Protein backbone atom coordinates (compact mmCIF):
# COMPACT_ATOMS: atom_id res chain seq x y z
CA MET A 1 -0.16 -0.14 -0.19
CA LYS A 2 1.43 3.30 -1.00
CA VAL A 3 0.61 6.47 1.03
CA THR A 4 1.36 10.15 0.63
CA VAL A 5 0.47 13.13 2.40
CA ARG A 6 0.98 17.00 1.03
CA LYS A 7 0.08 20.29 2.51
CA ILE A 8 -2.50 22.04 0.28
CA SER A 9 -4.13 25.49 0.21
CA VAL A 10 -7.80 25.51 -0.75
CA ALA A 11 -8.69 28.67 -2.65
CA SER A 12 -12.19 29.43 -1.20
CA GLU A 13 -10.45 29.26 2.60
CA PRO A 14 -6.76 31.21 2.03
CA ASP A 15 -6.17 31.21 5.77
CA CYS A 16 -7.07 27.63 6.31
CA THR A 17 -4.49 24.89 5.77
CA TYR A 18 -5.44 21.37 4.50
CA TYR A 19 -3.71 17.96 4.36
CA LEU A 20 -4.51 15.28 1.64
CA ARG A 21 -3.65 12.02 2.26
CA LEU A 22 -4.00 9.47 -0.27
CA GLU A 23 -3.91 5.92 -0.31
CA TRP A 24 -3.80 3.34 -3.23
CA ALA A 25 -2.53 -0.64 -3.95
CA GLU A 26 -1.10 -0.55 -7.49
CA ASP A 27 -1.08 3.32 -8.98
CA LEU A 28 -4.31 5.71 -8.83
CA GLY A 29 -6.07 4.42 -12.14
CA ALA A 30 -6.89 1.51 -9.75
CA GLY A 31 -8.55 3.57 -7.34
CA PHE A 32 -7.67 5.21 -4.31
CA VAL A 33 -8.85 6.76 -0.71
CA VAL A 34 -8.57 10.20 0.15
CA LEU A 35 -8.81 12.10 3.36
CA LEU A 36 -8.81 15.69 3.78
CA CYS A 37 -8.28 17.34 7.32
CA ASP A 38 -8.07 20.59 8.67
CA GLY A 39 -7.23 19.84 12.11
CA VAL A 40 -10.42 20.39 13.21
CA SER A 41 -12.43 18.21 10.85
CA ALA A 42 -12.08 15.36 8.26
CA TRP A 43 -13.40 14.07 5.44
CA SER A 44 -13.11 10.87 3.61
CA GLY A 45 -13.60 9.26 0.16
CA GLU A 46 -13.07 6.68 -2.09
CA VAL A 47 -12.55 7.23 -6.30
CA LEU A 48 -13.08 3.40 -8.03
CA GLU A 49 -11.44 2.70 -10.48
CA GLU A 50 -14.50 3.02 -12.77
CA ASP A 51 -14.49 6.82 -11.76
CA VAL A 52 -10.87 7.38 -12.96
CA THR A 53 -11.85 5.95 -16.22
CA ARG A 54 -15.01 7.39 -16.55
CA GLU A 55 -13.41 10.99 -15.70
CA ALA A 56 -10.55 10.49 -18.56
CA GLN A 57 -13.37 9.78 -21.05
CA GLU A 58 -15.03 12.84 -20.45
CA MET A 59 -11.98 14.98 -20.42
CA GLU A 60 -10.94 13.34 -23.77
CA MET A 61 -7.94 12.31 -22.51
CA PRO A 62 -5.65 9.06 -23.01
CA ARG A 63 -6.37 7.17 -19.60
CA GLU A 64 -2.67 6.42 -18.71
CA ARG A 65 -1.78 10.21 -19.19
CA TYR A 66 -4.96 11.28 -16.76
CA VAL A 67 -3.57 9.05 -14.15
CA ASN A 68 -0.04 10.30 -14.50
CA ASP A 69 -1.70 13.76 -14.23
CA LEU A 70 -3.56 12.99 -11.73
CA GLN A 71 -1.02 11.71 -9.32
CA LEU A 72 1.22 14.42 -9.98
CA ILE A 73 -1.68 17.17 -8.82
CA LEU A 74 -2.70 14.81 -6.15
CA THR A 75 0.61 13.62 -4.34
CA GLY A 76 2.78 16.63 -5.58
CA VAL A 77 5.59 14.44 -6.31
CA GLY A 78 7.44 15.16 -9.35
CA GLN A 79 5.82 18.60 -9.78
CA THR A 80 7.73 21.38 -11.72
CA ASP A 81 6.49 24.80 -12.10
CA GLN A 82 3.04 23.98 -12.81
CA SER A 83 0.67 25.03 -10.09
CA TYR A 84 -3.11 23.84 -9.23
CA SER A 85 -5.97 25.51 -7.59
CA PHE A 86 -7.80 23.19 -5.13
CA HIS A 87 -11.27 24.13 -4.41
CA LEU A 88 -13.53 22.77 -1.41
CA ALA A 89 -17.57 22.97 -2.08
CA PRO A 90 -21.05 21.02 -0.69
CA LYS A 91 -21.81 18.47 -3.37
CA GLN A 92 -25.44 19.73 -3.19
CA SER A 93 -26.65 22.63 -1.44
CA GLY A 94 -27.23 22.34 2.37
CA SER A 95 -25.25 18.45 1.96
CA PRO A 96 -22.53 17.58 4.43
CA MET A 97 -21.07 16.10 1.98
CA LEU A 98 -18.16 17.67 0.31
CA GLN A 99 -16.70 17.64 -3.01
CA LEU A 100 -12.55 18.49 -3.77
CA SER A 101 -11.93 19.67 -7.21
CA TYR A 102 -8.96 21.24 -8.54
CA GLU A 103 -7.62 23.51 -11.88
CA LYS A 104 -4.58 24.37 -13.71
CA VAL A 105 -3.64 27.87 -13.23
CA GLN A 106 -2.35 29.58 -15.81
CA SER A 107 0.46 31.88 -16.21
CA ASP A 108 -0.13 35.23 -17.25
CA MET A 109 0.70 35.23 -21.09
CA SER A 110 0.94 39.24 -21.69
């Protein structure tokens, strides 16, 4: 079992520090467990292999490339100068379930 923990910032809560823990067996493409903690509360979830495959298809991306990108973004291991912004929001209005998402931050091209 492989485990990584990294400190992340959530764009909507810039004054709060979060820790993102991932746990997986083979590679992230086979599914993984995620734990997000802010030092007071913790949230956990599981991403199945089918979820990874569906996301890669929705992004019209080869699955292997999607898994590699996912590993770089979520673990932070091997990241170069590329930056990502994390977002945390209720899955549905009034729901205790939260959804963690990310997006690539583009450099100013001007």
